[in-house]
PDB file of N, CA and C in Angstrom:
ATOM      1  N   MET A   1      15.090 -57.331  -6.282  1.00  0.00           N
ATOM      2  CA  MET A   1      15.606 -56.144  -6.933  1.00  0.00           C
ATOM      3  C   MET A   1      14.968 -55.957  -8.302  1.00  0.00           C
ATOM      4  N   THR A   2      14.747 -57.022  -9.013  1.00  0.00           N
ATOM      5  CA  THR A   2      14.141 -56.911 -10.338  1.00  0.00           C
ATOM      6  C   THR A   2      12.689 -56.452 -10.238  1.00  0.00           C
ATOM      7  N   LYS A   3      11.998 -56.845  -9.151  1.00  0.00           N
ATOM      8  CA  LYS A   3      10.613 -56.399  -8.980  1.00  0.00           C
ATOM      9  C   LYS A   3      10.552 -54.890  -8.774  1.00  0.00           C
ATOM     10  N   ILE A   4      11.491 -54.365  -8.003  1.00  0.00           N
ATOM     11  CA  ILE A   4      11.531 -52.916  -7.761  1.00  0.00           C
ATOM     12  C   ILE A   4      11.800 -52.171  -9.067  1.00  0.00           C
ATOM     13  N   PHE A   5      12.728 -52.689  -9.847  1.00  0.00           N
ATOM     14  CA  PHE A   5      13.066 -52.058 -11.128  1.00  0.00           C
ATOM     15  C   PHE A   5      11.883 -52.133 -12.092  1.00  0.00           C
ATOM     16  N   ALA A   6      11.204 -53.252 -12.152  1.00  0.00           N
ATOM     17  CA  ALA A   6      10.043 -53.412 -13.039  1.00  0.00           C
ATOM     18  C   ALA A   6       8.914 -52.471 -12.609  1.00  0.00           C
ATOM     19  N   ARG A   7       8.700 -52.356 -11.299  1.00  0.00           N
ATOM     20  CA  ARG A   7       7.667 -51.448 -10.798  1.00  0.00           C
ATOM     21  C   ARG A   7       8.019 -50.001 -11.137  1.00  0.00           C
ATOM     22  N   PHE A   8       9.301 -49.657 -11.047  1.00  0.00           N
ATOM     23  CA  PHE A   8       9.752 -48.313 -11.386  1.00  0.00           C
ATOM     24  C   PHE A   8       9.483 -48.003 -12.854  1.00  0.00           C
ATOM     25  N   LEU A   9       9.716 -48.964 -13.744  1.00  0.00           N
ATOM     26  CA  LEU A   9       9.498 -48.746 -15.171  1.00  0.00           C
ATOM     27  C   LEU A   9       8.012 -48.603 -15.504  1.00  0.00           C
ATOM     28  N   LYS A  10       7.142 -49.260 -14.755  1.00  0.00           N
ATOM     29  CA  LYS A  10       5.706 -49.186 -14.999  1.00  0.00           C
ATOM     30  C   LYS A  10       5.065 -47.939 -14.394  1.00  0.00           C
ATOM     31  N   ASP A  11       5.725 -47.308 -13.452  1.00  0.00           N
ATOM     32  CA  ASP A  11       5.168 -46.131 -12.772  1.00  0.00           C
ATOM     33  C   ASP A  11       5.200 -44.940 -13.713  1.00  0.00           C
ATOM     34  N   GLU A  12       4.021 -44.398 -14.037  1.00  0.00           N
ATOM     35  CA  GLU A  12       3.922 -43.255 -14.958  1.00  0.00           C
ATOM     36  C   GLU A  12       3.419 -41.998 -14.269  1.00  0.00           C
ATOM     37  N   SER A  13       3.353 -41.981 -12.981  1.00  0.00           N
ATOM     38  CA  SER A  13       2.823 -40.805 -12.282  1.00  0.00           C
ATOM     39  C   SER A  13       3.726 -39.585 -12.473  1.00  0.00           C
ATOM     40  N   GLY A  14       5.014 -39.775 -12.533  1.00  0.00           N
ATOM     41  CA  GLY A  14       5.928 -38.658 -12.767  1.00  0.00           C
ATOM     42  C   GLY A  14       5.745 -38.072 -14.153  1.00  0.00           C
ATOM     43  N   ALA A  15       5.543 -38.939 -15.137  1.00  0.00           N
ATOM     44  CA  ALA A  15       5.332 -38.479 -16.509  1.00  0.00           C
ATOM     45  C   ALA A  15       4.039 -37.676 -16.603  1.00  0.00           C
ATOM     46  N   THR A  16       3.014 -38.102 -15.893  1.00  0.00           N
ATOM     47  CA  THR A  16       1.752 -37.371 -15.904  1.00  0.00           C
ATOM     48  C   THR A  16       1.924 -35.983 -15.302  1.00  0.00           C
ATOM     49  N   ALA A  17       2.658 -35.888 -14.223  1.00  0.00           N
ATOM     50  CA  ALA A  17       2.899 -34.588 -13.600  1.00  0.00           C
ATOM     51  C   ALA A  17       3.663 -33.670 -14.541  1.00  0.00           C
ATOM     52  N   ILE A  18       4.620 -34.217 -15.256  1.00  0.00           N
ATOM     53  CA  ILE A  18       5.382 -33.409 -16.215  1.00  0.00           C
ATOM     54  C   ILE A  18       4.478 -32.931 -17.344  1.00  0.00           C
ATOM     55  N   GLU A  19       3.593 -33.807 -17.811  1.00  0.00           N
ATOM     56  CA  GLU A  19       2.667 -33.416 -18.870  1.00  0.00           C
ATOM     57  C   GLU A  19       1.751 -32.280 -18.407  1.00  0.00           C
ATOM     58  N   TYR A  20       1.227 -32.383 -17.208  1.00  0.00           N
ATOM     59  CA  TYR A  20       0.381 -31.308 -16.684  1.00  0.00           C
ATOM     60  C   TYR A  20       1.178 -30.010 -16.548  1.00  0.00           C
ATOM     61  N   GLY A  21       2.414 -30.118 -16.141  1.00  0.00           N
ATOM     62  CA  GLY A  21       3.261 -28.929 -16.034  1.00  0.00           C
ATOM     63  C   GLY A  21       3.497 -28.278 -17.382  1.00  0.00           C
ATOM     64  N   LEU A  22       3.730 -29.090 -18.407  1.00  0.00           N
ATOM     65  CA  LEU A  22       3.930 -28.543 -19.753  1.00  0.00           C
ATOM     66  C   LEU A  22       2.658 -27.893 -20.290  1.00  0.00           C
ATOM     67  N   ILE A  23       1.523 -28.499 -20.024  1.00  0.00           N
ATOM     68  CA  ILE A  23       0.257 -27.911 -20.461  1.00  0.00           C
ATOM     69  C   ILE A  23       0.026 -26.573 -19.767  1.00  0.00           C
ATOM     70  N   ALA A  24       0.290 -26.518 -18.466  1.00  0.00           N
ATOM     71  CA  ALA A  24       0.125 -25.265 -17.721  1.00  0.00           C
ATOM     72  C   ALA A  24       1.068 -24.189 -18.259  1.00  0.00           C
ATOM     73  N   ALA A  25       2.289 -24.567 -18.582  1.00  0.00           N
ATOM     74  CA  ALA A  25       3.251 -23.601 -19.122  1.00  0.00           C
ATOM     75  C   ALA A  25       2.794 -23.090 -20.482  1.00  0.00           C
ATOM     76  N   LEU A  26       2.273 -23.963 -21.319  1.00  0.00           N
ATOM     77  CA  LEU A  26       1.793 -23.554 -22.639  1.00  0.00           C
ATOM     78  C   LEU A  26       0.604 -22.608 -22.520  1.00  0.00           C
ATOM     79  N   ILE A  27      -0.310 -22.907 -21.625  1.00  0.00           N
ATOM     80  CA  ILE A  27      -1.458 -22.025 -21.411  1.00  0.00           C
ATOM     81  C   ILE A  27      -0.994 -20.664 -20.904  1.00  0.00           C
ATOM     82  N   SER A  28      -0.011 -20.651 -20.003  1.00  0.00           N
ATOM     83  CA  SER A  28       0.517 -19.385 -19.476  1.00  0.00           C
ATOM     84  C   SER A  28       1.137 -18.546 -20.575  1.00  0.00           C
ATOM     85  N   VAL A  29       1.906 -19.171 -21.449  1.00  0.00           N
ATOM     86  CA  VAL A  29       2.531 -18.438 -22.550  1.00  0.00           C
ATOM     87  C   VAL A  29       1.465 -17.858 -23.475  1.00  0.00           C
ATOM     88  N   ALA A  30       0.418 -18.639 -23.753  1.00  0.00           N
ATOM     89  CA  ALA A  30      -0.656 -18.149 -24.618  1.00  0.00           C
ATOM     90  C   ALA A  30      -1.382 -16.969 -23.974  1.00  0.00           C
ATOM     91  N   LEU A  31      -1.642 -17.047 -22.681  1.00  0.00           N
ATOM     92  CA  LEU A  31      -2.311 -15.945 -21.984  1.00  0.00           C
ATOM     93  C   LEU A  31      -1.456 -14.688 -21.980  1.00  0.00           C
ATOM     94  N   ILE A  32      -0.170 -14.833 -21.746  1.00  0.00           N
ATOM     95  CA  ILE A  32       0.725 -13.676 -21.737  1.00  0.00           C
ATOM     96  C   ILE A  32       0.787 -13.035 -23.125  1.00  0.00           C
ATOM     97  N   ALA A  33       0.865 -13.857 -24.165  1.00  0.00           N
ATOM     98  CA  ALA A  33       0.909 -13.325 -25.531  1.00  0.00           C
ATOM     99  C   ALA A  33      -0.389 -12.601 -25.862  1.00  0.00           C
ATOM    100  N   GLY A  34      -1.512 -13.167 -25.471  1.00  0.00           N
ATOM    101  CA  GLY A  34      -2.797 -12.526 -25.734  1.00  0.00           C
ATOM    102  C   GLY A  34      -2.952 -11.223 -24.978  1.00  0.00           C
ATOM    103  N   ALA A  35      -2.542 -11.202 -23.723  1.00  0.00           N
ATOM    104  CA  ALA A  35      -2.645  -9.983 -22.919  1.00  0.00           C
ATOM    105  C   ALA A  35      -1.732  -8.889 -23.465  1.00  0.00           C
ATOM    106  N   THR A  36      -0.562  -9.272 -23.929  1.00  0.00           N
ATOM    107  CA  THR A  36       0.367  -8.303 -24.507  1.00  0.00           C
ATOM    108  C   THR A  36      -0.212  -7.689 -25.778  1.00  0.00           C
ATOM    109  N   ALA A  37      -0.761  -8.528 -26.639  1.00  0.00           N
ATOM    110  CA  ALA A  37      -1.350  -8.029 -27.883  1.00  0.00           C
ATOM    111  C   ALA A  37      -2.544  -7.125 -27.586  1.00  0.00           C
ATOM    112  N   LEU A  38      -3.378  -7.518 -26.646  1.00  0.00           N
ATOM    113  CA  LEU A  38      -4.534  -6.703 -26.277  1.00  0.00           C
ATOM    114  C   LEU A  38      -4.090  -5.378 -25.672  1.00  0.00           C
ATOM    115  N   GLY A  39      -3.069  -5.412 -24.834  1.00  0.00           N
ATOM    116  CA  GLY A  39      -2.562  -4.187 -24.214  1.00  0.00           C
ATOM    117  C   GLY A  39      -2.020  -3.217 -25.236  1.00  0.00           C
ATOM    118  N   GLU A  40      -1.288  -3.732 -26.213  1.00  0.00           N
ATOM    119  CA  GLU A  40      -0.745  -2.863 -27.258  1.00  0.00           C
ATOM    120  C   GLU A  40      -1.871  -2.258 -28.098  1.00  0.00           C
ATOM    121  N   SER A  41      -2.875  -3.053 -28.389  1.00  0.00           N
ATOM    122  CA  SER A  41      -4.007  -2.557 -29.166  1.00  0.00           C
ATOM    123  C   SER A  41      -4.758  -1.473 -28.402  1.00  0.00           C
ATOM    124  N   LEU A  42      -4.986  -1.693 -27.124  1.00  0.00           N
ATOM    125  CA  LEU A  42      -5.671  -0.678 -26.308  1.00  0.00           C
ATOM    126  C   LEU A  42      -4.839   0.586 -26.192  1.00  0.00           C
ATOM    127  N   ASN A  43      -3.536   0.433 -26.058  1.00  0.00           N
ATOM    128  CA  ASN A  43      -2.657   1.595 -25.969  1.00  0.00           C
ATOM    129  C   ASN A  43      -2.735   2.437 -27.241  1.00  0.00           C
ATOM    130  N   GLU A  44      -2.722   1.782 -28.391  1.00  0.00           N
ATOM    131  CA  GLU A  44      -2.846   2.509 -29.658  1.00  0.00           C
ATOM    132  C   GLU A  44      -4.192   3.229 -29.743  1.00  0.00           C
ATOM    133  N   GLN A  45      -5.256   2.575 -29.320  1.00  0.00           N
ATOM    134  CA  GLN A  45      -6.591   3.184 -29.376  1.00  0.00           C
ATOM    135  C   GLN A  45      -6.673   4.412 -28.470  1.00  0.00           C
ATOM    136  N   PHE A  46      -6.150   4.298 -27.250  1.00  0.00           N
ATOM    137  CA  PHE A  46      -6.182   5.441 -26.330  1.00  0.00           C
ATOM    138  C   PHE A  46      -5.303   6.585 -26.838  1.00  0.00           C
ATOM    139  N   ASN A  47      -4.175   6.279 -27.434  1.00  0.00           N
ATOM    140  CA  ASN A  47      -3.336   7.328 -28.012  1.00  0.00           C
ATOM    141  C   ASN A  47      -4.057   8.040 -29.146  1.00  0.00           C
ATOM    142  N   PHE A  48      -4.763   7.272 -29.979  1.00  0.00           N
ATOM    143  CA  PHE A  48      -5.534   7.870 -31.067  1.00  0.00           C
ATOM    144  C   PHE A  48      -6.627   8.775 -30.515  1.00  0.00           C
ATOM    145  N   LEU A  49      -7.346   8.304 -29.522  1.00  0.00           N
ATOM    146  CA  LEU A  49      -8.411   9.117 -28.924  1.00  0.00           C
ATOM    147  C   LEU A  49      -7.854  10.384 -28.284  1.00  0.00           C
ATOM    148  N   SER A  50      -6.727  10.256 -27.612  1.00  0.00           N
ATOM    149  CA  SER A  50      -6.112  11.419 -26.970  1.00  0.00           C
ATOM    150  C   SER A  50      -5.689  12.449 -28.005  1.00  0.00           C
ATOM    151  N   THR A  51      -5.084  12.001 -29.079  1.00  0.00           N
ATOM    152  CA  THR A  51      -4.659  12.912 -30.141  1.00  0.00           C
ATOM    153  C   THR A  51      -5.858  13.589 -30.783  1.00  0.00           C
ATOM    154  N   THR A  52      -6.902  12.813 -31.040  1.00  0.00           N
ATOM    155  CA  THR A  52      -8.110  13.368 -31.657  1.00  0.00           C
ATOM    156  C   THR A  52      -8.757  14.410 -30.754  1.00  0.00           C
ATOM    157  N   MET A  53      -8.819  14.140 -29.471  1.00  0.00           N
ATOM    158  CA  MET A  53      -9.418  15.097 -28.529  1.00  0.00           C
ATOM    159  C   MET A  53      -8.572  16.355 -28.429  1.00  0.00           C
ATOM    160  N   ASP A  54      -7.248  16.205 -28.423  1.00  0.00           N
ATOM    161  CA  ASP A  54      -6.375  17.384 -28.367  1.00  0.00           C
ATOM    162  C   ASP A  54      -6.554  18.257 -29.600  1.00  0.00           C
ATOM    163  N   GLU A  55      -6.692  17.643 -30.769  1.00  0.00           N
ATOM    164  CA  GLU A  55      -6.853  18.403 -32.005  1.00  0.00           C
ATOM    165  C   GLU A  55      -8.182  19.128 -32.059  1.00  0.00           C
ATOM    166  N   THR A  56      -9.220  18.535 -31.506  1.00  0.00           N
ATOM    167  CA  THR A  56     -10.534  19.183 -31.569  1.00  0.00           C
ATOM    168  C   THR A  56     -10.635  20.323 -30.558  1.00  0.00           C
ATOM    169  N   GLN A  57      -9.834  20.290 -29.495  1.00  0.00           N
ATOM    170  CA  GLN A  57      -9.891  21.361 -28.512  1.00  0.00           C
ATOM    171  C   GLN A  57      -9.115  22.598 -28.976  1.00  0.00           C
ATOM    172  N   ASN A  58      -8.196  22.433 -29.878  1.00  0.00           N
ATOM    173  CA  ASN A  58      -7.385  23.578 -30.348  1.00  0.00           C
ATOM    174  C   ASN A  58      -7.966  24.237 -31.520  1.00  0.00           C
TER     175      ASN A  58
END
């Protein structure tokens, strides 16, 4: 029984999987934040262009 418990304490494969999961989650959050910021910037640019084109046509 003590050998099984000692082997369980030395096993780090679960910890490695959790670390990879946390890294993947962090990368996902960074990508979502970047895409959101880029989308808002593009939206502002297109709105500016649309307004400018409307003003020049009138």
